[in-house]
């Protein structure tokens, strides 16, 4: 079982890039402090783990097309009982959704991005919120047929192609952060708003 205090410690040094991310960070810290098990999918609102998967040179990003939401997203999903960290959740989900084994970067296991977003109701699940913790990984292979039913497909996108494909603002923010990291640049708040 993942300890909420471990993730809280990881987030203590995290600096949000914009006002939306600052709000997401505050809300995530509150969930981690207030919930008995903030990682359990059985809870209406819960922490999820996602991966911003880049080519080793940062030139492209691996995105998945979500079947129900009908849009391109980063690979990611729910924490499973065997996951020892949210970072492991992100890496496992990237492998399951793309067939590509993603590796840790020199960025390490630090949190790249934090986003809270609503999930619409579906079948027996009411509308709820995902408190998404995003990590930076790299991979060089091509995606294969996804192992998960919710994923229609996976493909590599340059940042410009991802933006043209209509990724949401929070994913665009995370992709910009990742590209800047690979270029050795610092990310300024004014550059992301």
Foldseek 3Di string as FASTA:
>chain_A
DEQLVVVVVLLVPDDALEDQQVVLSVVSNCLSVPDPAQQDPVDLEHEKEAEFEAALLLQKTKWFQFQVVRATDTFIDGDDPPDHDNLSRHQVRNCQFFVWRWAADPVGSHFLGWHKDWDPDDDPRHIGIYGYTYDYTYTHDGGDHHNDPRTPHMGIGGLVRNVVRPDDLRRNLSSVSSSCVSVVHDRHSVVSD
